[in-house]
Amino acid sequence: MSLGLAAIDRGYGVYFTPMHRLIEDLRNAYEERRLERRMRIYLAPKLLIIDELGYLPLDKVGATVFFQLVAARYERGSIVLTSNQTFADWGEVFGDPVIATAILDRLLHHSHVINIRGESYRLREKRRSGVLRSAVELQQDE
């Protein structure tokens, strides 16, 4: 992610992880009673980039350990999240609207939200090369 590379170029520590890998790691640490120690890995860098939030729903333990991470980083380090879910859908993603609201409260305070709409650049490239047809083209064929 270019934001991470720009931060590294400026001398900041950066950690990048997909959400599912982060949750799996924190869940294992929680079950092994070493969550606090493992959390230091994610608290140390100035910038933590978490990719694909909402791709898979979280259970109670996953939502809880994620909240603990966000709360621990709150006003101490930056978090960049990518997601294809709207904030209104986060209650479903986290399995609990209360914990989703608590997470959003901390994330959105002092934040910059960038909402990117439109077609995926990956799919757009495939369409340009003729490998994939658009939904409009498919409807016209019907």
C-alpha atoms as a PDB file:
ATOM      1  CA  MET A   1       0.000   0.000   0.000  1.00  0.00           C
ATOM      2  CA  SER A   2       1.462   3.321  -1.055  1.00  0.00           C
ATOM      3  CA  LEU A   3       0.607   5.052   2.237  1.00  0.00           C
ATOM      4  CA  GLY A   4       2.745   2.501   4.035  1.00  0.00           C
ATOM      5  CA  LEU A   5       5.643   2.954   1.630  1.00  0.00           C
ATOM      6  CA  ALA A   6       5.439   6.734   1.982  1.00  0.00           C
ATOM      7  CA  ALA A   7       5.520   6.390   5.781  1.00  0.00           C
ATOM      8  CA  ILE A   8       8.542   4.092   5.575  1.00  0.00           C
ATOM      9  CA  ASP A   9      10.303   6.580   3.277  1.00  0.00           C
ATOM     10  CA  ARG A  10       9.783   9.200   5.998  1.00  0.00           C
ATOM     11  CA  GLY A  11      11.298   6.968   8.671  1.00  0.00           C
ATOM     12  CA  TYR A  12       8.139   5.661  10.339  1.00  0.00           C
ATOM     13  CA  GLY A  13       7.660   2.079  11.435  1.00  0.00           C
ATOM     14  CA  VAL A  14       4.843   0.354   9.525  1.00  0.00           C
ATOM     15  CA  TYR A  15       3.149  -3.010   9.937  1.00  0.00           C
ATOM     16  CA  PHE A  16       0.790  -4.377   7.252  1.00  0.00           C
ATOM     17  CA  THR A  17      -1.548  -7.321   7.791  1.00  0.00           C
ATOM     18  CA  PRO A  18      -4.782  -8.675   6.385  1.00  0.00           C
ATOM     19  CA  MET A  19      -7.577  -8.581   8.974  1.00  0.00           C
ATOM     20  CA  HIS A  20      -8.081 -12.354   9.012  1.00  0.00           C
ATOM     21  CA  ARG A  21      -4.388 -12.953   9.781  1.00  0.00           C
ATOM     22  CA  LEU A  22      -4.388 -10.299  12.525  1.00  0.00           C
ATOM     23  CA  ILE A  23      -7.441 -11.822  14.205  1.00  0.00           C
ATOM     24  CA  GLU A  24      -6.073 -15.355  13.914  1.00  0.00           C
ATOM     25  CA  ASP A  25      -2.800 -14.242  15.510  1.00  0.00           C
ATOM     26  CA  LEU A  26      -4.490 -12.351  18.345  1.00  0.00           C
ATOM     27  CA  ARG A  27      -6.983 -15.183  18.948  1.00  0.00           C
ATOM     28  CA  ASN A  28      -4.144 -17.701  19.269  1.00  0.00           C
ATOM     29  CA  ALA A  29      -2.324 -15.405  21.680  1.00  0.00           C
ATOM     30  CA  TYR A  30      -5.527 -14.956  23.703  1.00  0.00           C
ATOM     31  CA  GLU A  31      -6.057 -18.725  23.924  1.00  0.00           C
ATOM     32  CA  GLU A  32      -2.419 -19.213  24.959  1.00  0.00           C
ATOM     33  CA  ARG A  33      -2.737 -16.452  27.588  1.00  0.00           C
ATOM     34  CA  ARG A  34      -0.100 -14.258  25.930  1.00  0.00           C
ATOM     35  CA  LEU A  35      -2.339 -11.632  24.328  1.00  0.00           C
ATOM     36  CA  GLU A  36      -0.774  -8.671  26.119  1.00  0.00           C
ATOM     37  CA  ARG A  37       2.689  -9.712  24.990  1.00  0.00           C
ATOM     38  CA  ARG A  38       1.611 -10.375  21.395  1.00  0.00           C
ATOM     39  CA  MET A  39      -0.276  -7.095  21.246  1.00  0.00           C
ATOM     40  CA  ARG A  40       3.072  -5.269  21.509  1.00  0.00           C
ATOM     41  CA  ILE A  41       3.849  -6.324  17.914  1.00  0.00           C
ATOM     42  CA  TYR A  42       0.827  -4.324  16.730  1.00  0.00           C
ATOM     43  CA  LEU A  43       1.317  -1.417  19.132  1.00  0.00           C
ATOM     44  CA  ALA A  44       4.962  -0.744  18.267  1.00  0.00           C
ATOM     45  CA  PRO A  45       4.781   0.721  14.737  1.00  0.00           C
ATOM     46  CA  LYS A  46       3.699   4.295  14.166  1.00  0.00           C
ATOM     47  CA  LEU A  47       1.345   3.058  11.416  1.00  0.00           C
ATOM     48  CA  LEU A  48      -0.675  -0.158  11.421  1.00  0.00           C
ATOM     49  CA  ILE A  49      -2.336  -1.038   8.113  1.00  0.00           C
ATOM     50  CA  ILE A  50      -5.146  -3.587   8.285  1.00  0.00           C
ATOM     51  CA  ASP A  51      -6.461  -4.824   4.964  1.00  0.00           C
ATOM     52  CA  GLU A  52      -9.856  -6.347   4.141  1.00  0.00           C
ATOM     53  CA  LEU A  53     -11.849  -5.603   7.290  1.00  0.00           C
ATOM     54  CA  GLY A  54     -15.266  -7.169   6.876  1.00  0.00           C
ATOM     55  CA  TYR A  55     -14.240  -9.750   4.318  1.00  0.00           C
ATOM     56  CA  LEU A  56     -15.045 -12.402   6.924  1.00  0.00           C
ATOM     57  CA  PRO A  57     -17.369 -11.906   9.911  1.00  0.00           C
ATOM     58  CA  LEU A  58     -15.826 -12.077  13.381  1.00  0.00           C
ATOM     59  CA  ASP A  59     -16.922 -14.118  16.342  1.00  0.00           C
ATOM     60  CA  LYS A  60     -17.044 -12.705  19.876  1.00  0.00           C
ATOM     61  CA  VAL A  61     -13.378 -13.425  20.653  1.00  0.00           C
ATOM     62  CA  GLY A  62     -12.237 -11.927  17.341  1.00  0.00           C
ATOM     63  CA  ALA A  63     -14.319  -8.790  17.878  1.00  0.00           C
ATOM     64  CA  THR A  64     -13.094  -8.465  21.457  1.00  0.00           C
ATOM     65  CA  VAL A  65      -9.387  -8.779  20.650  1.00  0.00           C
ATOM     66  CA  PHE A  66      -9.789  -6.314  17.775  1.00  0.00           C
ATOM     67  CA  PHE A  67     -11.470  -3.830  20.108  1.00  0.00           C
ATOM     68  CA  GLN A  68      -8.610  -4.262  22.581  1.00  0.00           C
ATOM     69  CA  LEU A  69      -6.099  -3.505  19.833  1.00  0.00           C
ATOM     70  CA  VAL A  70      -7.964  -0.403  18.634  1.00  0.00           C
ATOM     71  CA  ALA A  71      -8.402   0.826  22.213  1.00  0.00           C
ATOM     72  CA  ALA A  72      -4.707   0.263  22.984  1.00  0.00           C
ATOM     73  CA  ARG A  73      -3.603   2.170  19.853  1.00  0.00           C
ATOM     74  CA  TYR A  74      -6.160   4.957  20.367  1.00  0.00           C
ATOM     75  CA  GLU A  75      -4.348   8.330  20.254  1.00  0.00           C
ATOM     76  CA  ARG A  76      -0.981   6.490  20.338  1.00  0.00           C
ATOM     77  CA  GLY A  77      -0.563   5.309  16.758  1.00  0.00           C
ATOM     78  CA  SER A  78      -2.274   5.563  13.399  1.00  0.00           C
ATOM     79  CA  ILE A  79      -4.397   2.846  11.834  1.00  0.00           C
ATOM     80  CA  VAL A  80      -5.277   2.584   8.159  1.00  0.00           C
ATOM     81  CA  LEU A  81      -8.138   0.207   7.414  1.00  0.00           C
ATOM     82  CA  THR A  82      -9.434  -0.995   4.092  1.00  0.00           C
ATOM     83  CA  SER A  83     -12.936  -2.392   3.880  1.00  0.00           C
ATOM     84  CA  ASN A  84     -15.715  -2.893   1.401  1.00  0.00           C
ATOM     85  CA  GLN A  85     -18.277  -2.590   4.217  1.00  0.00           C
ATOM     86  CA  THR A  86     -20.092   0.588   5.188  1.00  0.00           C
ATOM     87  CA  PHE A  87     -19.944   1.688   8.806  1.00  0.00           C
ATOM     88  CA  ALA A  88     -23.646   0.790   9.082  1.00  0.00           C
ATOM     89  CA  ASP A  89     -22.704  -2.848   8.354  1.00  0.00           C
ATOM     90  CA  TRP A  90     -20.020  -3.087  11.020  1.00  0.00           C
ATOM     91  CA  GLY A  91     -22.471  -4.347  13.655  1.00  0.00           C
ATOM     92  CA  GLU A  92     -22.965  -7.409  11.478  1.00  0.00           C
ATOM     93  CA  VAL A  93     -19.242  -7.771  10.734  1.00  0.00           C
ATOM     94  CA  PHE A  94     -18.358  -7.700  14.434  1.00  0.00           C
ATOM     95  CA  GLY A  95     -21.424  -9.706  15.474  1.00  0.00           C
ATOM     96  CA  ASP A  96     -22.393  -7.014  17.968  1.00  0.00           C
ATOM     97  CA  PRO A  97     -23.512  -3.438  17.266  1.00  0.00           C
ATOM     98  CA  VAL A  98     -22.292  -2.263  20.679  1.00  0.00           C
ATOM     99  CA  ILE A  99     -18.701  -3.359  20.138  1.00  0.00           C
ATOM    100  CA  ALA A 100     -18.825  -2.069  16.550  1.00  0.00           C
ATOM    101  CA  THR A 101     -19.922   1.336  17.849  1.00  0.00           C
ATOM    102  CA  ALA A 102     -17.133   1.343  20.449  1.00  0.00           C
ATOM    103  CA  ILE A 103     -14.560   0.501  17.755  1.00  0.00           C
ATOM    104  CA  LEU A 104     -15.918   3.146  15.380  1.00  0.00           C
ATOM    105  CA  ASP A 105     -15.943   5.734  18.173  1.00  0.00           C
ATOM    106  CA  ARG A 106     -12.197   5.342  18.644  1.00  0.00           C
ATOM    107  CA  LEU A 107     -11.340   4.940  14.964  1.00  0.00           C
ATOM    108  CA  LEU A 108     -13.335   7.909  13.700  1.00  0.00           C
ATOM    109  CA  HIS A 109     -12.119  10.372  16.335  1.00  0.00           C
ATOM    110  CA  HIS A 110      -9.229  12.297  14.708  1.00  0.00           C
ATOM    111  CA  SER A 111      -9.675  10.316  11.472  1.00  0.00           C
ATOM    112  CA  HIS A 112      -9.768  10.973   7.762  1.00  0.00           C
ATOM    113  CA  VAL A 113     -12.245   8.765   5.931  1.00  0.00           C
ATOM    114  CA  ILE A 114     -11.660   8.208   2.239  1.00  0.00           C
ATOM    115  CA  ASN A 115     -14.604   6.600   0.499  1.00  0.00           C
ATOM    116  CA  ILE A 116     -13.639   5.201  -2.869  1.00  0.00           C
ATOM    117  CA  ARG A 117     -16.540   4.348  -5.113  1.00  0.00           C
ATOM    118  CA  GLY A 118     -16.537   2.695  -8.458  1.00  0.00           C
ATOM    119  CA  GLU A 119     -15.164  -0.320 -10.133  1.00  0.00           C
ATOM    120  CA  SER A 120     -12.196  -2.224  -8.775  1.00  0.00           C
ATOM    121  CA  TYR A 121      -8.998  -1.328 -10.615  1.00  0.00           C
ATOM    122  CA  ARG A 122      -8.237  -5.043 -10.940  1.00  0.00           C
ATOM    123  CA  LEU A 123     -11.539  -5.733 -12.696  1.00  0.00           C
ATOM    124  CA  ARG A 124     -11.219  -2.584 -14.797  1.00  0.00           C
ATOM    125  CA  GLU A 125      -7.889  -3.837 -16.187  1.00  0.00           C
ATOM    126  CA  LYS A 126      -9.443  -7.200 -17.031  1.00  0.00           C
ATOM    127  CA  ARG A 127     -12.333  -5.443 -18.789  1.00  0.00           C
ATOM    128  CA  ARG A 128      -9.927  -3.306 -20.821  1.00  0.00           C
ATOM    129  CA  SER A 129      -8.092  -6.392 -21.978  1.00  0.00           C
ATOM    130  CA  GLY A 130     -11.378  -8.047 -23.018  1.00  0.00           C
ATOM    131  CA  VAL A 131     -11.115 -10.882 -20.494  1.00  0.00           C
ATOM    132  CA  LEU A 132     -14.167  -9.734 -18.516  1.00  0.00           C
ATOM    133  CA  ARG A 133     -17.378  -8.113 -19.691  1.00  0.00           C
ATOM    134  CA  SER A 134     -19.214  -5.431 -17.709  1.00  0.00           C
ATOM    135  CA  ALA A 135     -22.630  -5.944 -16.131  1.00  0.00           C
ATOM    136  CA  VAL A 136     -24.051  -3.432 -18.649  1.00  0.00           C
ATOM    137  CA  GLU A 137     -22.717  -5.475 -21.576  1.00  0.00           C
ATOM    138  CA  LEU A 138     -24.170  -8.671 -20.110  1.00  0.00           C
ATOM    139  CA  GLN A 139     -27.596  -7.018 -19.667  1.00  0.00           C
ATOM    140  CA  GLN A 140     -27.563  -5.811 -23.278  1.00  0.00           C
ATOM    141  CA  ASP A 141     -27.069  -9.396 -24.462  1.00  0.00           C
ATOM    142  CA  GLU A 142     -30.214 -10.598 -22.651  1.00  0.00           C
END
